[in-house]
Protein backbone atom coordinates (compact mmCIF):
# COMPACT_ATOMS: atom_id res chain seq x y z
CA MET A 1 -128.57 73.64 -73.34
CA THR A 2 -125.54 71.93 -72.03
CA ASP A 3 -122.17 71.47 -73.85
CA VAL A 4 -123.21 68.14 -74.86
CA ILE A 5 -126.41 68.03 -76.85
CA LYS A 6 -128.76 65.13 -76.26
CA VAL A 7 -130.41 63.70 -79.26
CA ALA A 8 -133.29 61.56 -80.07
CA VAL A 9 -133.63 59.81 -83.56
CA LEU A 10 -137.27 58.95 -84.80
CA GLY A 11 -136.94 56.40 -87.78
CA ALA A 12 -133.68 55.10 -86.43
CA ALA A 13 -134.13 51.71 -88.14
CA GLY A 14 -134.39 53.23 -91.66
CA ARG A 15 -131.49 53.89 -94.13
CA MET A 16 -131.31 57.53 -93.27
CA GLY A 17 -132.08 57.07 -89.54
CA SER A 18 -129.41 54.39 -89.17
CA GLU A 19 -126.80 56.63 -90.64
CA ALA A 20 -127.86 59.41 -88.34
CA VAL A 21 -127.49 57.14 -85.45
CA LYS A 22 -123.79 56.44 -86.33
CA ALA A 23 -123.08 59.96 -87.10
CA ILE A 24 -124.44 61.18 -83.72
CA ASN A 25 -122.47 58.56 -81.95
CA SER A 26 -119.28 59.47 -83.47
CA ALA A 27 -119.62 62.95 -82.54
CA ALA A 28 -117.99 64.05 -79.31
CA ASP A 29 -120.50 67.08 -78.64
CA LEU A 30 -123.52 65.02 -79.05
CA GLU A 31 -125.16 62.15 -77.03
CA LEU A 32 -127.70 59.66 -78.59
CA VAL A 33 -130.37 59.31 -75.93
CA ALA A 34 -133.08 57.51 -77.68
CA ALA A 35 -133.46 55.75 -81.06
CA LEU A 36 -137.06 54.94 -81.91
CA GLY A 37 -138.33 52.64 -84.52
CA SER A 38 -141.62 52.91 -86.25
CA GLY A 39 -143.32 50.75 -83.58
CA ASP A 40 -142.18 52.79 -80.55
CA PRO A 41 -144.43 55.13 -78.84
CA LEU A 42 -143.28 58.95 -78.79
CA GLU A 43 -143.88 58.58 -75.05
CA SER A 44 -140.59 56.78 -74.93
CA LEU A 45 -138.98 60.24 -75.34
CA GLU A 46 -140.12 61.14 -71.85
CA GLY A 47 -137.41 60.95 -69.33
CA THR A 48 -134.48 60.90 -71.91
CA GLY A 49 -133.62 64.55 -71.43
CA ALA A 50 -133.46 64.89 -75.37
CA ASP A 51 -132.60 68.34 -76.32
CA ILE A 52 -133.12 67.74 -80.10
CA VAL A 53 -135.64 65.29 -82.08
CA VAL A 54 -134.32 64.35 -85.51
CA ASP A 55 -137.27 63.22 -87.33
CA LEU A 56 -136.38 60.76 -90.30
CA THR A 57 -139.62 58.97 -90.69
CA VAL A 58 -142.41 59.06 -93.28
CA PRO A 59 -144.80 61.74 -94.23
CA SER A 60 -148.00 60.34 -92.77
CA VAL A 61 -146.45 60.70 -89.06
CA SER A 62 -143.80 63.35 -89.32
CA GLU A 63 -146.06 66.31 -88.52
CA ALA A 64 -147.49 64.63 -85.46
CA ASN A 65 -143.87 63.80 -84.37
CA VAL A 66 -142.76 67.24 -84.79
CA ARG A 67 -145.90 68.65 -82.81
CA TYR A 68 -145.05 66.34 -80.03
CA ALA A 69 -141.49 67.68 -79.80
CA VAL A 70 -142.36 71.14 -79.97
CA GLU A 71 -145.14 70.89 -77.25
CA HIS A 72 -142.73 68.92 -75.04
CA GLY A 73 -139.99 71.54 -75.21
CA MET A 74 -137.74 69.92 -77.78
CA HIS A 75 -136.29 71.49 -81.00
CA ALA A 76 -136.70 69.28 -84.13
CA VAL A 77 -134.52 68.67 -87.11
CA VAL A 78 -136.61 67.22 -89.86
CA GLY A 79 -135.48 65.44 -93.07
CA THR A 80 -138.81 63.78 -93.79
CA THR A 81 -140.62 64.96 -96.86
CA GLY A 82 -144.14 65.95 -97.61
CA TRP A 83 -144.04 69.25 -95.75
CA ASP A 84 -146.55 71.24 -97.98
CA GLU A 85 -147.34 74.95 -97.32
CA GLU A 86 -150.32 73.81 -95.28
CA LYS A 87 -148.29 71.74 -92.92
CA LEU A 88 -145.68 74.42 -92.74
CA GLN A 89 -148.14 76.99 -91.84
CA ARG A 90 -149.64 74.89 -89.00
CA LEU A 91 -146.09 74.57 -87.81
CA ARG A 92 -145.57 78.25 -87.76
CA ASP A 93 -148.86 78.69 -85.90
CA LEU A 94 -147.55 76.26 -83.32
CA LEU A 95 -144.06 77.69 -82.87
CA ASP A 96 -145.65 81.05 -82.36
CA GLU A 97 -147.01 79.40 -79.01
CA HIS A 98 -143.15 78.31 -78.41
CA PRO A 99 -141.27 81.09 -79.29
CA GLU A 100 -138.12 79.73 -77.76
CA THR A 101 -138.18 76.42 -79.89
CA GLY A 102 -136.68 76.02 -83.19
CA VAL A 103 -137.39 73.54 -85.93
CA LEU A 104 -135.52 72.97 -89.21
CA ILE A 105 -137.33 71.37 -92.04
CA ALA A 106 -134.47 70.38 -94.48
CA PRO A 107 -135.54 69.24 -97.96
CA ASN A 108 -131.97 68.01 -98.43
CA PHE A 109 -129.26 67.54 -96.02
CA ALA A 110 -126.54 67.20 -98.49
CA ILE A 111 -124.53 70.44 -98.49
CA GLY A 112 -123.72 70.16 -102.18
CA ALA A 113 -127.33 69.92 -103.02
CA VAL A 114 -128.13 73.07 -101.03
CA LEU A 115 -125.34 74.99 -102.82
CA ALA A 116 -126.60 73.89 -106.23
CA GLY A 117 -130.08 75.10 -105.43
CA LYS A 118 -128.70 78.43 -104.35
CA PHE A 119 -126.25 78.67 -107.24
CA ALA A 120 -129.18 77.70 -109.57
CA ALA A 121 -131.48 80.44 -108.25
CA ALA A 122 -128.68 83.05 -108.68
CA ALA A 123 -127.89 82.03 -112.30
CA SER A 124 -131.79 81.63 -113.25
CA ARG A 125 -131.84 85.56 -113.36
CA TYR A 126 -129.84 85.57 -116.54
CA PHE A 127 -131.27 82.72 -118.42
CA GLU A 128 -134.66 82.72 -120.44
CA SER A 129 -135.35 79.13 -119.71
CA VAL A 130 -134.77 76.91 -116.57
CA GLU A 131 -136.12 73.54 -115.63
CA VAL A 132 -135.45 71.13 -112.84
CA ILE A 133 -134.84 67.09 -113.00
CA GLU A 134 -134.73 65.12 -109.89
CA LEU A 135 -133.55 61.44 -109.93
CA HIS A 136 -134.26 59.28 -107.12
CA HIS A 137 -134.32 55.47 -106.07
CA PRO A 138 -137.86 53.76 -106.86
CA ASN A 139 -138.72 53.37 -103.09
CA LYS A 140 -139.08 57.05 -102.60
CA LEU A 141 -142.68 57.93 -101.68
CA ASP A 142 -143.19 61.36 -102.99
CA ALA A 143 -142.75 63.05 -106.33
CA PRO A 144 -141.26 65.64 -107.10
CA SER A 145 -138.73 65.33 -104.33
CA GLY A 146 -138.90 67.99 -101.61
CA THR A 147 -135.38 69.25 -102.81
CA ALA A 148 -136.53 69.84 -106.34
CA ARG A 149 -139.74 71.61 -104.84
CA HIS A 150 -137.67 73.79 -102.86
CA THR A 151 -135.14 74.49 -105.73
CA ALA A 152 -138.07 75.53 -107.98
CA GLN A 153 -139.44 77.75 -105.19
CA LEU A 154 -135.90 79.43 -104.96
CA ILE A 155 -135.70 79.90 -108.56
CA ALA A 156 -139.09 81.23 -108.96
CA GLU A 157 -138.60 83.92 -106.31
CA ALA A 158 -135.24 84.98 -107.65
CA ARG A 159 -136.83 85.35 -111.19
CA ARG A 160 -139.81 87.31 -109.92
CA GLU A 161 -137.40 89.76 -107.94
CA ALA A 162 -135.36 90.18 -110.99
CA GLY A 163 -138.40 90.65 -113.24
CA VAL A 164 -137.72 87.57 -115.32
CA ALA A 165 -140.81 86.19 -117.26
CA PRO A 166 -141.52 82.52 -117.03
CA SER A 167 -139.71 80.05 -119.29
CA PRO A 168 -141.16 80.29 -122.86
CA ASP A 169 -143.05 77.17 -123.62
CA ALA A 170 -145.36 76.68 -127.01
CA THR A 171 -146.62 73.44 -125.79
CA GLU A 172 -150.46 73.43 -126.46
CA SER A 173 -151.14 69.62 -126.03
CA ASP A 174 -149.69 67.12 -123.31
CA PRO A 175 -152.35 64.73 -122.39
CA GLU A 176 -149.83 62.42 -120.65
CA GLY A 177 -148.16 65.12 -118.60
CA SER A 178 -144.87 64.72 -120.19
CA ARG A 179 -143.89 68.34 -119.56
CA GLY A 180 -143.83 67.45 -115.87
CA ALA A 181 -145.04 69.14 -112.64
CA VAL A 182 -145.26 73.03 -112.73
CA ILE A 183 -144.13 74.81 -109.52
CA GLU A 184 -144.28 78.31 -109.60
CA ASP A 185 -143.90 78.49 -113.39
CA VAL A 186 -141.00 76.20 -113.05
CA HIS A 187 -141.21 72.68 -114.77
CA VAL A 188 -140.02 69.96 -112.57
CA HIS A 189 -139.48 66.25 -113.95
CA ALA A 190 -139.12 63.30 -111.56
CA VAL A 191 -137.17 60.06 -112.51
CA ARG A 192 -137.33 56.72 -110.54
CA LEU A 193 -134.64 54.22 -111.32
CA ARG A 194 -133.07 51.47 -109.53
CA GLY A 195 -129.47 52.10 -108.50
CA LEU A 196 -130.06 55.81 -107.92
CA VAL A 197 -129.80 57.55 -104.48
CA ALA A 198 -130.58 61.20 -104.91
CA HIS A 199 -129.53 63.41 -107.80
CA GLU A 200 -130.63 66.67 -109.14
CA GLU A 201 -129.97 68.76 -112.26
CA ILE A 202 -130.99 72.27 -113.19
CA LEU A 203 -131.01 73.11 -116.85
CA LEU A 204 -130.58 76.82 -117.71
CA GLY A 205 -130.65 77.95 -121.28
CA ASP A 206 -130.43 81.03 -123.29
CA THR A 207 -129.99 81.85 -126.95
CA GLY A 208 -126.56 80.22 -127.88
CA GLN A 209 -125.77 78.83 -124.50
CA GLN A 210 -126.82 76.27 -121.68
CA LEU A 211 -125.79 75.90 -118.13
CA SER A 212 -125.98 72.64 -116.24
CA ILE A 213 -125.79 72.46 -112.53
CA ARG A 214 -125.94 68.89 -111.07
CA HIS A 215 -125.61 67.34 -107.65
CA ASP A 216 -125.10 63.68 -106.98
CA SER A 217 -125.40 61.87 -103.58
CA PHE A 218 -124.16 58.31 -104.29
CA ASP A 219 -124.46 57.41 -100.48
CA ARG A 220 -126.58 58.45 -97.59
CA VAL A 221 -123.60 59.02 -95.67
CA SER A 222 -123.34 62.40 -97.71
CA PHE A 223 -126.42 63.83 -95.82
CA MET A 224 -124.79 63.42 -92.34
CA PRO A 225 -122.75 66.59 -92.42
CA GLY A 226 -126.00 68.47 -92.91
CA VAL A 227 -127.83 66.52 -90.12
CA LEU A 228 -125.04 67.28 -87.66
CA LEU A 229 -124.93 70.87 -88.67
CA GLY A 230 -128.73 71.21 -88.18
CA VAL A 231 -128.52 69.60 -84.88
CA ARG A 232 -125.95 71.78 -83.74
CA ARG A 233 -127.66 75.16 -84.99
CA VAL A 234 -131.37 74.38 -84.48
CA GLY A 235 -131.52 75.41 -80.65
CA SER A 236 -129.99 78.78 -81.28
CA ALA A 237 -132.52 79.55 -84.23
CA PRO A 238 -135.94 79.90 -82.78
CA GLY A 239 -139.04 79.54 -85.13
CA LEU A 240 -139.15 77.69 -88.36
CA THR A 241 -136.08 77.48 -90.83
CA HIS A 242 -137.15 75.93 -94.08
CA GLY A 243 -133.97 74.84 -95.86
CA LEU A 244 -130.45 74.01 -94.62
CA ASP A 245 -129.45 77.16 -96.60
CA GLY A 246 -130.75 79.11 -93.61
CA TYR A 247 -127.92 77.86 -91.71
CA LEU A 248 -125.10 78.25 -94.17
CA GLU A 249 -125.04 82.05 -94.34
CA LEU A 250 -124.89 82.02 -98.07
CA ASP A 251 -126.14 85.38 -98.65
């Protein structure tokens, strides 16, 4: 890879994509070689010399976009949600056939949100109860958010390793589902409200005390340092990295 990294953005006309275009254009070590909208064919990438594809599209096309990038020798940085375990496994299988290629699937690019999830996972080993609340704008297509799902998985893994039992809950009847989704024994609640951007709060409780860990993104510009970090690191991290925390050296 040359000193200047050549980057293509998919979903460039969207709110996240347009911010990514501006951030890449402002970075001296990056060169924007393609900015594709929803109607542009992937074949438009041919001849651009792109080293990295940044996918900020929608769940229905993201997997195909990443597969195209990998099969054509391009690394990928993905902020699109909807990557469940089945899709991730198909991507791992594909990357086994392209061992020099790296893909980052980032549920959240805000470094503060990534830190909040890691802090919550560490703290959850010492609290009897833990629940996650995510709050987003009403145009978000999926619930719970990929960030909340990833946070719940980190918490569940940390608690299993520490031998902590699932949070106590005596609920016997909840026909309307008010207790929220359950992801690996962790309850996750989704709020959709006009005026919000992206917010997450992790509540941890024990006898006589409560700890709240919260992160708020008030503007999508907050995601751009994470996007640029992913673009700069993915080429030196072959295989699948799930979560920006994989690049932050937090352990």
